């Protein structure tokens, strides 16, 4: 009985979070205008490169699992939440953006921006898609409420973290602008849904 109740709760929360995910994906696409032009271009190419490579050439499960283990170790003090942290915080994306910030600040050069942004897009896409596939395989039920709830939270945290790390690397504080737009877009999305189902 408790499992059924927990399943219902997770399903409800997943449905409530879904409009926020839709809004965040919509807002983040337009938010790249606050960064240098090459950021959007090379981030997109990094995402596309991962998709093509993963679908037709090579699947990065070994790299992905290493990143997951690294995050579980780093957040070991938060056990058992370290497992959730490993799905929510992308290891390779975080390392790439911190290295990007270090190179820009310590060597005072922008010559490698496009390389870092490309790998950032590649790494973030790898984390989100492979986490989604991994979570789906762990849950055998047809509806998958745990998967829907966990992946929704994970994607939202990934997007928020990506903006924070982009701000860190670029030296621009745009997160408040993103957050305000996210609130507006979320409200608009909820209103659209409520109008469909009065």
N, C-alpha and C. Protein backbone atom coordinates (compact mmCIF):
# COMPACT_ATOMS: atom_id res chain seq x y z
N UNK A 1 0.83 -1.21 0.00
CA UNK A 1 0.00 0.00 0.00
C UNK A 1 0.87 1.26 0.00
N UNK A 2 1.93 1.23 0.80
CA UNK A 2 2.81 2.39 0.88
C UNK A 2 3.51 2.64 -0.45
N UNK A 3 3.85 1.55 -1.18
CA UNK A 3 4.49 1.68 -2.49
C UNK A 3 3.55 2.34 -3.50
N UNK A 4 2.27 1.98 -3.43
CA UNK A 4 1.28 2.58 -4.34
C UNK A 4 1.14 4.07 -4.04
N UNK A 5 1.08 4.40 -2.76
CA UNK A 5 0.95 5.81 -2.36
C UNK A 5 2.17 6.61 -2.81
N UNK A 6 3.37 6.03 -2.63
CA UNK A 6 4.61 6.70 -3.05
C UNK A 6 4.65 6.88 -4.56
N UNK A 7 4.17 5.90 -5.29
CA UNK A 7 4.11 5.99 -6.75
C UNK A 7 3.20 7.13 -7.19
N UNK A 8 2.05 7.25 -6.53
CA UNK A 8 1.10 8.32 -6.85
C UNK A 8 1.73 9.69 -6.57
N UNK A 9 2.39 9.81 -5.42
CA UNK A 9 3.03 11.08 -5.04
C UNK A 9 4.10 11.47 -6.06
N UNK A 10 4.94 10.51 -6.44
CA UNK A 10 6.00 10.79 -7.41
C UNK A 10 5.41 11.19 -8.76
N UNK A 11 4.34 10.53 -9.16
CA UNK A 11 3.69 10.85 -10.44
C UNK A 11 3.12 12.26 -10.42
N UNK A 12 2.51 12.64 -9.31
CA UNK A 12 1.94 13.99 -9.18
C UNK A 12 3.03 15.05 -9.25
N UNK A 13 4.12 14.83 -8.50
CA UNK A 13 5.22 15.78 -8.50
C UNK A 13 5.88 15.88 -9.87
N UNK A 14 6.00 14.75 -10.56
CA UNK A 14 6.58 14.75 -11.91
C UNK A 14 5.73 15.59 -12.86
N UNK A 15 4.41 15.46 -12.76
CA UNK A 15 3.50 16.24 -13.60
C UNK A 15 3.56 17.73 -13.26
N UNK A 16 3.73 18.03 -11.98
CA UNK A 16 3.82 19.43 -11.56
C UNK A 16 5.13 20.08 -12.01
N UNK A 17 6.20 19.27 -12.03
CA UNK A 17 7.50 19.80 -12.42
C UNK A 17 7.61 19.96 -13.94
N UNK A 18 6.88 19.14 -14.70
CA UNK A 18 6.99 19.14 -16.16
C UNK A 18 6.86 20.52 -16.80
N UNK A 19 5.87 21.36 -16.41
CA UNK A 19 5.80 22.70 -17.00
C UNK A 19 7.04 23.54 -16.72
N UNK A 20 7.68 23.32 -15.56
CA UNK A 20 8.91 24.05 -15.24
C UNK A 20 10.03 23.61 -16.18
N UNK A 21 10.09 22.31 -16.48
CA UNK A 21 11.10 21.80 -17.40
C UNK A 21 10.89 22.39 -18.80
N UNK A 22 9.64 22.39 -19.25
CA UNK A 22 9.32 22.96 -20.57
C UNK A 22 9.73 24.43 -20.62
N UNK A 23 9.41 25.16 -19.56
CA UNK A 23 9.75 26.58 -19.50
C UNK A 23 11.26 26.79 -19.48
N UNK A 24 11.97 25.98 -18.71
CA UNK A 24 13.43 26.16 -18.59
C UNK A 24 14.13 25.87 -19.91
N UNK A 25 13.67 24.85 -20.64
CA UNK A 25 14.26 24.54 -21.95
C UNK A 25 14.00 25.68 -22.93
N UNK A 26 12.80 26.24 -22.88
CA UNK A 26 12.45 27.37 -23.75
C UNK A 26 13.29 28.59 -23.44
N UNK A 27 13.43 28.90 -22.16
CA UNK A 27 14.16 30.10 -21.74
C UNK A 27 15.65 29.98 -22.01
N UNK A 28 16.22 28.80 -21.76
CA UNK A 28 17.67 28.64 -21.91
C UNK A 28 18.10 28.80 -23.36
N UNK A 29 17.23 28.46 -24.30
CA UNK A 29 17.56 28.62 -25.72
C UNK A 29 17.76 30.09 -26.07
N UNK A 30 16.91 30.95 -25.52
CA UNK A 30 17.03 32.38 -25.80
C UNK A 30 18.05 33.08 -24.94
N UNK A 31 18.47 32.42 -23.86
CA UNK A 31 19.38 33.06 -22.90
C UNK A 31 20.80 33.19 -23.44
N UNK A 32 21.13 32.43 -24.46
CA UNK A 32 22.49 32.48 -25.00
C UNK A 32 22.83 33.84 -25.60
N UNK A 33 21.83 34.69 -25.86
CA UNK A 33 22.11 36.03 -26.39
C UNK A 33 22.91 36.86 -25.39
N UNK A 34 22.91 36.46 -24.13
CA UNK A 34 23.64 37.20 -23.10
C UNK A 34 25.13 36.83 -23.07
N UNK A 35 25.52 35.86 -23.87
CA UNK A 35 26.92 35.43 -23.93
C UNK A 35 27.49 35.76 -25.31
N UNK A 36 28.82 35.67 -25.46
CA UNK A 36 29.41 35.88 -26.79
C UNK A 36 28.78 34.96 -27.84
N UNK A 37 28.75 35.42 -29.09
CA UNK A 37 28.05 34.70 -30.15
C UNK A 37 28.54 33.27 -30.34
N UNK A 38 29.84 33.04 -30.15
CA UNK A 38 30.37 31.70 -30.40
C UNK A 38 29.85 30.69 -29.39
N UNK A 39 29.36 31.15 -28.23
CA UNK A 39 28.88 30.22 -27.21
C UNK A 39 27.71 29.39 -27.73
N UNK A 40 26.72 30.07 -28.28
CA UNK A 40 25.55 29.35 -28.76
C UNK A 40 25.91 28.44 -29.92
N UNK A 41 26.73 28.93 -30.85
CA UNK A 41 27.08 28.16 -32.03
C UNK A 41 27.84 26.88 -31.66
N UNK A 42 28.88 27.02 -30.86
CA UNK A 42 29.71 25.85 -30.56
C UNK A 42 29.06 24.93 -29.53
N UNK A 43 28.23 25.48 -28.66
CA UNK A 43 27.48 24.63 -27.72
C UNK A 43 26.53 23.72 -28.50
N UNK A 44 25.86 24.30 -29.48
CA UNK A 44 24.95 23.52 -30.33
C UNK A 44 25.71 22.44 -31.09
N UNK A 45 26.86 22.80 -31.66
CA UNK A 45 27.65 21.82 -32.41
C UNK A 45 28.15 20.70 -31.51
N UNK A 46 28.45 21.03 -30.26
CA UNK A 46 28.86 20.01 -29.31
C UNK A 46 27.73 19.04 -29.02
N UNK A 47 26.52 19.57 -28.84
CA UNK A 47 25.35 18.72 -28.62
C UNK A 47 25.11 17.80 -29.82
N UNK A 48 25.17 18.37 -31.01
CA UNK A 48 24.93 17.60 -32.23
C UNK A 48 26.01 16.53 -32.42
N UNK A 49 27.25 16.89 -32.11
CA UNK A 49 28.36 15.94 -32.25
C UNK A 49 28.15 14.72 -31.35
N UNK A 50 27.68 14.96 -30.12
CA UNK A 50 27.44 13.82 -29.24
C UNK A 50 26.34 12.93 -29.80
N UNK A 51 25.24 13.53 -30.23
CA UNK A 51 24.11 12.75 -30.74
C UNK A 51 24.53 11.87 -31.92
N UNK A 52 25.27 12.45 -32.87
CA UNK A 52 25.70 11.68 -34.04
C UNK A 52 26.65 10.56 -33.63
N UNK A 53 27.61 10.91 -32.77
CA UNK A 53 28.59 9.90 -32.33
C UNK A 53 27.92 8.78 -31.56
N UNK A 54 27.02 9.14 -30.65
CA UNK A 54 26.35 8.14 -29.80
C UNK A 54 25.44 7.22 -30.62
N UNK A 55 24.75 7.79 -31.59
CA UNK A 55 23.79 7.01 -32.36
C UNK A 55 24.45 6.11 -33.41
N UNK A 56 25.57 6.59 -33.98
CA UNK A 56 26.11 5.87 -35.14
C UNK A 56 27.54 5.34 -34.97
N UNK A 57 28.29 5.86 -33.99
CA UNK A 57 29.70 5.48 -33.92
C UNK A 57 30.12 4.81 -32.62
N UNK A 58 29.82 5.44 -31.50
CA UNK A 58 30.35 4.94 -30.23
C UNK A 58 29.44 5.38 -29.09
N UNK A 59 29.21 4.46 -28.15
CA UNK A 59 28.42 4.78 -26.96
C UNK A 59 29.37 4.91 -25.77
N UNK A 60 29.21 5.98 -25.05
CA UNK A 60 30.20 6.39 -24.06
C UNK A 60 29.90 5.87 -22.65
N UNK A 61 29.42 4.63 -22.54
CA UNK A 61 29.01 4.14 -21.23
C UNK A 61 30.17 4.05 -20.25
N UNK A 62 31.35 3.71 -20.72
CA UNK A 62 32.51 3.65 -19.83
C UNK A 62 32.84 5.00 -19.25
N UNK A 63 32.86 6.04 -20.10
CA UNK A 63 33.13 7.40 -19.65
C UNK A 63 32.03 7.88 -18.70
N UNK A 64 30.79 7.60 -19.07
CA UNK A 64 29.66 8.03 -18.25
C UNK A 64 29.72 7.40 -16.87
N UNK A 65 29.96 6.10 -16.80
CA UNK A 65 30.00 5.41 -15.51
C UNK A 65 31.15 5.89 -14.64
N UNK A 66 32.28 6.24 -15.28
CA UNK A 66 33.40 6.80 -14.52
C UNK A 66 33.00 8.12 -13.88
N UNK A 67 32.32 8.97 -14.66
CA UNK A 67 31.84 10.25 -14.13
C UNK A 67 30.86 10.08 -12.99
N UNK A 68 29.97 9.10 -13.13
CA UNK A 68 29.00 8.82 -12.07
C UNK A 68 29.71 8.39 -10.79
N UNK A 69 30.68 7.50 -10.92
CA UNK A 69 31.43 7.03 -9.75
C UNK A 69 32.21 8.17 -9.10
N UNK A 70 32.77 9.05 -9.93
CA UNK A 70 33.52 10.19 -9.40
C UNK A 70 32.62 11.10 -8.58
N UNK A 71 31.41 11.37 -9.09
CA UNK A 71 30.48 12.22 -8.37
C UNK A 71 29.98 11.56 -7.08
N UNK A 72 29.75 10.26 -7.12
CA UNK A 72 29.33 9.56 -5.91
C UNK A 72 30.41 9.62 -4.84
N UNK A 73 31.67 9.55 -5.27
CA UNK A 73 32.79 9.64 -4.33
C UNK A 73 32.91 11.05 -3.76
N UNK A 74 32.80 12.06 -4.63
CA UNK A 74 32.91 13.45 -4.19
C UNK A 74 31.83 13.79 -3.17
N UNK A 75 30.61 13.31 -3.42
CA UNK A 75 29.48 13.59 -2.53
C UNK A 75 29.20 12.43 -1.58
N UNK A 76 30.23 11.64 -1.31
CA UNK A 76 30.08 10.50 -0.41
C UNK A 76 29.61 10.89 0.98
N UNK A 77 29.96 12.11 1.42
CA UNK A 77 29.55 12.58 2.74
C UNK A 77 28.04 12.81 2.82
N UNK A 78 27.38 12.85 1.66
CA UNK A 78 25.93 13.07 1.63
C UNK A 78 25.14 11.77 1.47
N UNK A 79 25.83 10.64 1.58
CA UNK A 79 25.17 9.34 1.40
C UNK A 79 23.92 9.23 2.28
N UNK A 80 22.79 8.73 1.73
CA UNK A 80 22.60 8.11 0.41
C UNK A 80 22.25 9.08 -0.71
N UNK A 81 22.26 10.39 -0.45
CA UNK A 81 21.91 11.36 -1.48
C UNK A 81 22.98 11.49 -2.56
N UNK A 82 24.16 10.92 -2.32
CA UNK A 82 25.23 11.04 -3.31
C UNK A 82 24.85 10.40 -4.64
N UNK A 83 23.98 9.40 -4.60
CA UNK A 83 23.51 8.77 -5.84
C UNK A 83 22.69 9.76 -6.66
N UNK A 84 21.80 10.50 -5.98
CA UNK A 84 21.00 11.51 -6.68
C UNK A 84 21.89 12.64 -7.19
N UNK A 85 22.89 13.03 -6.40
CA UNK A 85 23.79 14.10 -6.82
C UNK A 85 24.56 13.71 -8.07
N UNK A 86 24.90 12.43 -8.19
CA UNK A 86 25.64 11.98 -9.37
C UNK A 86 24.79 12.06 -10.64
N UNK A 87 23.48 11.93 -10.50
CA UNK A 87 22.60 12.07 -11.66
C UNK A 87 22.26 13.53 -11.94
N UNK A 88 22.37 14.38 -10.93
CA UNK A 88 21.95 15.78 -11.07
C UNK A 88 23.09 16.70 -11.48
N UNK A 89 24.32 16.37 -11.10
CA UNK A 89 25.46 17.23 -11.42
C UNK A 89 26.35 16.52 -12.43
N UNK A 90 26.42 17.03 -13.65
CA UNK A 90 27.20 16.37 -14.71
C UNK A 90 28.70 16.54 -14.49
N UNK A 91 29.39 15.44 -14.30
CA UNK A 91 30.82 15.46 -13.96
C UNK A 91 31.66 16.14 -15.04
N UNK A 92 31.57 15.66 -16.27
CA UNK A 92 32.44 16.16 -17.33
C UNK A 92 32.11 17.60 -17.71
N UNK A 93 30.84 17.94 -17.69
CA UNK A 93 30.45 19.33 -17.97
C UNK A 93 31.02 20.27 -16.91
N UNK A 94 30.89 19.89 -15.65
CA UNK A 94 31.39 20.72 -14.55
C UNK A 94 32.90 20.88 -14.64
N UNK A 95 33.61 19.79 -14.88
CA UNK A 95 35.08 19.85 -15.01
C UNK A 95 35.47 20.74 -16.19
N UNK A 96 34.76 20.60 -17.31
CA UNK A 96 35.06 21.40 -18.50
C UNK A 96 34.89 22.88 -18.23
N UNK A 97 33.80 23.26 -17.57
CA UNK A 97 33.53 24.68 -17.32
C UNK A 97 34.48 25.27 -16.29
N UNK A 98 34.87 24.49 -15.29
CA UNK A 98 35.84 24.98 -14.31
C UNK A 98 37.21 25.17 -14.97
N UNK A 99 37.59 24.22 -15.84
CA UNK A 99 38.85 24.35 -16.59
C UNK A 99 38.79 25.56 -17.52
N UNK A 100 37.64 25.78 -18.13
CA UNK A 100 37.41 26.94 -19.00
C UNK A 100 37.64 28.23 -18.22
N UNK A 101 37.04 28.32 -17.05
CA UNK A 101 37.20 29.50 -16.20
C UNK A 101 38.66 29.69 -15.81
N UNK A 102 39.35 28.62 -15.45
CA UNK A 102 40.75 28.70 -15.01
C UNK A 102 41.65 29.19 -16.14
N UNK A 103 41.46 28.65 -17.34
CA UNK A 103 42.29 29.06 -18.48
C UNK A 103 42.07 30.54 -18.80
N UNK A 104 40.81 30.97 -18.81
CA UNK A 104 40.49 32.37 -19.12
C UNK A 104 41.10 33.32 -18.10
N UNK A 105 41.05 32.94 -16.82
CA UNK A 105 41.47 33.86 -15.77
C UNK A 105 42.97 33.81 -15.48
N UNK A 106 43.56 32.64 -15.54
CA UNK A 106 44.98 32.54 -15.21
C UNK A 106 45.88 32.86 -16.39
N UNK A 107 45.41 32.58 -17.60
CA UNK A 107 46.22 32.84 -18.79
C UNK A 107 45.73 34.04 -19.58
N UNK A 108 44.60 34.62 -19.15
CA UNK A 108 44.06 35.82 -19.78
C UNK A 108 43.95 35.67 -21.30
N UNK A 109 43.33 34.59 -21.74
CA UNK A 109 43.18 34.35 -23.18
C UNK A 109 41.78 33.83 -23.49
N UNK A 110 41.30 34.21 -24.67
CA UNK A 110 40.00 33.71 -25.17
C UNK A 110 40.18 32.77 -26.36
N UNK A 111 41.42 32.39 -26.63
CA UNK A 111 41.71 31.60 -27.83
C UNK A 111 41.07 30.21 -27.81
N UNK A 112 40.75 29.72 -26.62
CA UNK A 112 40.24 28.35 -26.51
C UNK A 112 38.75 28.29 -26.15
N UNK A 113 38.09 29.44 -26.19
CA UNK A 113 36.68 29.49 -25.80
C UNK A 113 35.83 28.50 -26.59
N UNK A 114 36.00 28.49 -27.90
CA UNK A 114 35.16 27.64 -28.74
C UNK A 114 35.37 26.16 -28.45
N UNK A 115 36.61 25.78 -28.10
CA UNK A 115 36.87 24.37 -27.76
C UNK A 115 36.13 23.97 -26.48
N UNK A 116 36.24 24.82 -25.47
CA UNK A 116 35.60 24.50 -24.19
C UNK A 116 34.08 24.48 -24.31
N UNK A 117 33.52 25.44 -25.04
CA UNK A 117 32.07 25.48 -25.21
C UNK A 117 31.58 24.27 -26.00
N UNK A 118 32.33 23.87 -27.01
CA UNK A 118 31.98 22.68 -27.77
C UNK A 118 31.92 21.46 -26.86
N UNK A 119 32.96 21.25 -26.06
CA UNK A 119 32.99 20.09 -25.17
C UNK A 119 31.97 20.21 -24.04
N UNK A 120 31.63 21.44 -23.66
CA UNK A 120 30.58 21.64 -22.66
C UNK A 120 29.24 21.15 -23.19
N UNK A 121 28.91 21.53 -24.43
CA UNK A 121 27.67 21.05 -25.05
C UNK A 121 27.66 19.55 -25.23
N UNK A 122 28.80 19.01 -25.62
CA UNK A 122 28.96 17.56 -25.79
C UNK A 122 28.73 16.85 -24.46
N UNK A 123 29.39 17.34 -23.40
CA UNK A 123 29.35 16.67 -22.09
C UNK A 123 27.97 16.77 -21.44
N UNK A 124 27.33 17.93 -21.55
CA UNK A 124 26.01 18.10 -20.93
C UNK A 124 24.97 17.21 -21.62
N UNK A 125 25.03 17.15 -22.94
CA UNK A 125 24.11 16.28 -23.68
C UNK A 125 24.34 14.82 -23.33
N UNK A 126 25.60 14.43 -23.23
CA UNK A 126 25.93 13.06 -22.84
C UNK A 126 25.33 12.73 -21.48
N UNK A 127 25.50 13.63 -20.53
CA UNK A 127 25.01 13.37 -19.17
C UNK A 127 23.49 13.23 -19.14
N UNK A 128 22.78 14.16 -19.76
CA UNK A 128 21.32 14.14 -19.69
C UNK A 128 20.74 12.91 -20.39
N UNK A 129 21.20 12.64 -21.60
CA UNK A 129 20.63 11.52 -22.36
C UNK A 129 20.99 10.17 -21.76
N UNK A 130 22.22 10.02 -21.32
CA UNK A 130 22.63 8.73 -20.77
C UNK A 130 22.06 8.51 -19.38
N UNK A 131 21.87 9.59 -18.62
CA UNK A 131 21.19 9.47 -17.32
C UNK A 131 19.75 9.05 -17.53
N UNK A 132 19.08 9.66 -18.52
CA UNK A 132 17.70 9.29 -18.83
C UNK A 132 17.59 7.82 -19.21
N UNK A 133 18.50 7.36 -20.06
CA UNK A 133 18.47 5.96 -20.48
C UNK A 133 18.76 5.03 -19.31
N UNK A 134 19.72 5.40 -18.48
CA UNK A 134 20.09 4.59 -17.32
C UNK A 134 18.94 4.48 -16.32
N UNK A 135 18.27 5.60 -16.05
CA UNK A 135 17.16 5.60 -15.10
C UNK A 135 15.97 4.80 -15.64
N UNK A 136 15.74 4.90 -16.94
CA UNK A 136 14.65 4.13 -17.55
C UNK A 136 14.86 2.63 -17.39
N UNK A 137 16.09 2.20 -17.58
CA UNK A 137 16.40 0.77 -17.50
C UNK A 137 16.30 0.24 -16.07
N UNK A 138 16.48 1.13 -15.09
CA UNK A 138 16.43 0.71 -13.69
C UNK A 138 15.00 0.46 -13.22
N UNK A 139 14.03 1.11 -13.86
CA UNK A 139 12.63 0.98 -13.44
C UNK A 139 11.86 0.15 -14.47
N UNK A 140 11.33 -0.97 -14.04
CA UNK A 140 10.72 -1.92 -14.96
C UNK A 140 9.23 -1.70 -15.18
N UNK A 141 8.60 -0.86 -14.37
CA UNK A 141 7.16 -0.64 -14.50
C UNK A 141 6.84 0.16 -15.76
N UNK A 142 5.66 -0.02 -16.36
CA UNK A 142 5.32 0.69 -17.60
C UNK A 142 5.25 2.21 -17.45
N UNK A 143 4.72 2.70 -16.31
CA UNK A 143 4.52 4.14 -16.13
C UNK A 143 5.80 4.85 -15.72
N UNK A 144 6.66 4.22 -14.92
CA UNK A 144 7.95 4.74 -14.49
C UNK A 144 7.86 6.07 -13.73
N UNK A 145 7.13 6.13 -12.61
CA UNK A 145 7.00 7.38 -11.86
C UNK A 145 8.32 7.86 -11.26
N UNK A 146 9.14 6.91 -10.77
CA UNK A 146 10.43 7.29 -10.19
C UNK A 146 11.34 7.90 -11.25
N UNK A 147 11.33 7.30 -12.43
CA UNK A 147 12.12 7.84 -13.54
C UNK A 147 11.67 9.26 -13.90
N UNK A 148 10.37 9.45 -14.06
CA UNK A 148 9.84 10.76 -14.46
C UNK A 148 10.18 11.83 -13.43
N UNK A 149 10.04 11.47 -12.15
CA UNK A 149 10.33 12.43 -11.08
C UNK A 149 11.82 12.75 -11.03
N UNK A 150 12.66 11.72 -11.06
CA UNK A 150 14.11 11.92 -10.93
C UNK A 150 14.70 12.64 -12.13
N UNK A 151 14.31 12.25 -13.34
CA UNK A 151 14.87 12.88 -14.52
C UNK A 151 14.39 14.32 -14.65
N UNK A 152 13.18 14.62 -14.20
CA UNK A 152 12.68 16.00 -14.23
C UNK A 152 13.52 16.89 -13.33
N UNK A 153 13.76 16.43 -12.10
CA UNK A 153 14.60 17.19 -11.18
C UNK A 153 16.02 17.33 -11.72
N UNK A 154 16.53 16.24 -12.28
CA UNK A 154 17.89 16.23 -12.80
C UNK A 154 18.07 17.23 -13.94
N UNK A 155 17.13 17.24 -14.88
CA UNK A 155 17.22 18.17 -16.01
C UNK A 155 17.14 19.61 -15.53
N UNK A 156 16.24 19.89 -14.59
CA UNK A 156 16.11 21.24 -14.06
C UNK A 156 17.40 21.70 -13.39
N UNK A 157 17.98 20.84 -12.55
CA UNK A 157 19.24 21.17 -11.88
C UNK A 157 20.36 21.35 -12.90
N UNK A 158 20.39 20.50 -13.92
CA UNK A 158 21.40 20.61 -14.97
C UNK A 158 21.33 21.96 -15.68
N UNK A 159 20.13 22.39 -15.99
CA UNK A 159 19.96 23.67 -16.69
C UNK A 159 20.38 24.84 -15.80
N UNK A 160 19.94 24.83 -14.55
CA UNK A 160 20.32 25.90 -13.62
C UNK A 160 21.84 25.93 -13.43
N UNK A 161 22.44 24.76 -13.27
CA UNK A 161 23.89 24.68 -13.09
C UNK A 161 24.63 25.15 -14.33
N UNK A 162 24.10 24.82 -15.51
CA UNK A 162 24.76 25.23 -16.75
C UNK A 162 24.81 26.75 -16.87
N UNK A 163 23.74 27.43 -16.47
CA UNK A 163 23.73 28.90 -16.51
C UNK A 163 24.73 29.47 -15.51
N UNK A 164 24.76 28.92 -14.31
CA UNK A 164 25.71 29.39 -13.30
C UNK A 164 27.16 29.21 -13.76
N UNK A 165 27.47 28.06 -14.36
CA UNK A 165 28.83 27.81 -14.81
C UNK A 165 29.17 28.61 -16.06
N UNK A 166 28.20 28.86 -16.91
CA UNK A 166 28.42 29.73 -18.07
C UNK A 166 28.73 31.15 -17.58
N UNK A 167 28.01 31.59 -16.57
CA UNK A 167 28.27 32.90 -15.98
C UNK A 167 29.68 32.97 -15.40
N UNK A 168 30.06 31.91 -14.70
CA UNK A 168 31.40 31.86 -14.11
C UNK A 168 32.47 31.95 -15.18
N UNK A 169 32.32 31.17 -16.24
CA UNK A 169 33.33 31.13 -17.29
C UNK A 169 33.39 32.42 -18.10
N UNK A 170 32.22 33.01 -18.36
CA UNK A 170 32.17 34.21 -19.20
C UNK A 170 32.42 35.49 -18.42
N UNK A 171 32.33 35.42 -17.09
CA UNK A 171 32.49 36.62 -16.27
C UNK A 171 31.28 37.52 -16.30
N UNK A 172 30.12 36.97 -16.65
CA UNK A 172 28.88 37.75 -16.70
C UNK A 172 27.86 37.14 -15.74
N UNK A 173 27.18 37.99 -14.99
CA UNK A 173 26.19 37.51 -14.02
C UNK A 173 24.80 37.65 -14.62
N UNK A 174 24.37 36.62 -15.33
CA UNK A 174 23.08 36.66 -16.03
C UNK A 174 22.03 35.77 -15.36
N UNK A 175 22.41 35.07 -14.30
CA UNK A 175 21.49 34.11 -13.69
C UNK A 175 20.19 34.76 -13.21
N UNK A 176 20.23 35.96 -12.58
CA UNK A 176 18.96 36.59 -12.17
C UNK A 176 18.02 36.84 -13.35
N UNK A 177 18.58 37.23 -14.49
CA UNK A 177 17.77 37.45 -15.69
C UNK A 177 17.12 36.13 -16.12
N UNK A 178 17.92 35.07 -16.14
CA UNK A 178 17.40 33.75 -16.50
C UNK A 178 16.31 33.31 -15.54
N UNK A 179 16.54 33.49 -14.25
CA UNK A 179 15.59 33.04 -13.24
C UNK A 179 14.26 33.79 -13.35
N UNK A 180 14.34 35.09 -13.58
CA UNK A 180 13.11 35.89 -13.74
C UNK A 180 12.33 35.45 -14.98
N UNK A 181 13.05 35.21 -16.07
CA UNK A 181 12.39 34.74 -17.29
C UNK A 181 11.79 33.36 -17.09
N UNK A 182 12.48 32.53 -16.32
CA UNK A 182 11.98 31.18 -16.03
C UNK A 182 10.67 31.24 -15.26
N UNK A 183 10.60 32.12 -14.27
CA UNK A 183 9.36 32.27 -13.49
C UNK A 183 8.21 32.71 -14.39
N UNK A 184 8.47 33.71 -15.24
CA UNK A 184 7.43 34.21 -16.15
C UNK A 184 6.97 33.12 -17.12
N UNK A 185 7.92 32.40 -17.70
CA UNK A 185 7.59 31.37 -18.67
C UNK A 185 6.87 30.20 -18.01
N UNK A 186 7.27 29.87 -16.79
CA UNK A 186 6.59 28.79 -16.05
C UNK A 186 5.15 29.16 -15.76
N UNK A 187 4.94 30.39 -15.32
CA UNK A 187 3.58 30.86 -15.06
C UNK A 187 2.74 30.81 -16.34
N UNK A 188 3.35 31.23 -17.45
CA UNK A 188 2.65 31.20 -18.73
C UNK A 188 2.31 29.77 -19.14
N UNK A 189 3.23 28.84 -18.91
CA UNK A 189 3.01 27.44 -19.27
C UNK A 189 1.89 26.83 -18.44
N UNK A 190 1.89 27.12 -17.13
CA UNK A 190 0.80 26.63 -16.27
C UNK A 190 -0.55 27.19 -16.72
N UNK A 191 -0.56 28.46 -17.10
CA UNK A 191 -1.81 29.08 -17.55
C UNK A 191 -2.33 28.42 -18.83
N UNK A 192 -1.41 28.11 -19.74
CA UNK A 192 -1.82 27.42 -20.97
C UNK A 192 -2.42 26.05 -20.68
N UNK A 193 -1.80 25.34 -19.75
CA UNK A 193 -2.29 24.00 -19.39
C UNK A 193 -3.66 24.10 -18.72
N UNK A 194 -3.82 25.07 -17.83
CA UNK A 194 -5.10 25.24 -17.14
C UNK A 194 -6.21 25.64 -18.10
N UNK A 195 -5.84 26.40 -19.15
CA UNK A 195 -6.83 26.78 -20.16
C UNK A 195 -7.27 25.59 -21.01
N UNK A 196 -6.33 24.65 -21.20
CA UNK A 196 -6.67 23.44 -21.97
C UNK A 196 -7.58 22.53 -21.16
N UNK A 197 -7.28 22.46 -19.83
CA UNK A 197 -8.09 21.61 -18.94
C UNK A 197 -8.78 22.48 -17.89
N UNK A 198 -9.86 23.16 -18.27
CA UNK A 198 -10.53 24.09 -17.34
C UNK A 198 -11.19 23.34 -16.19
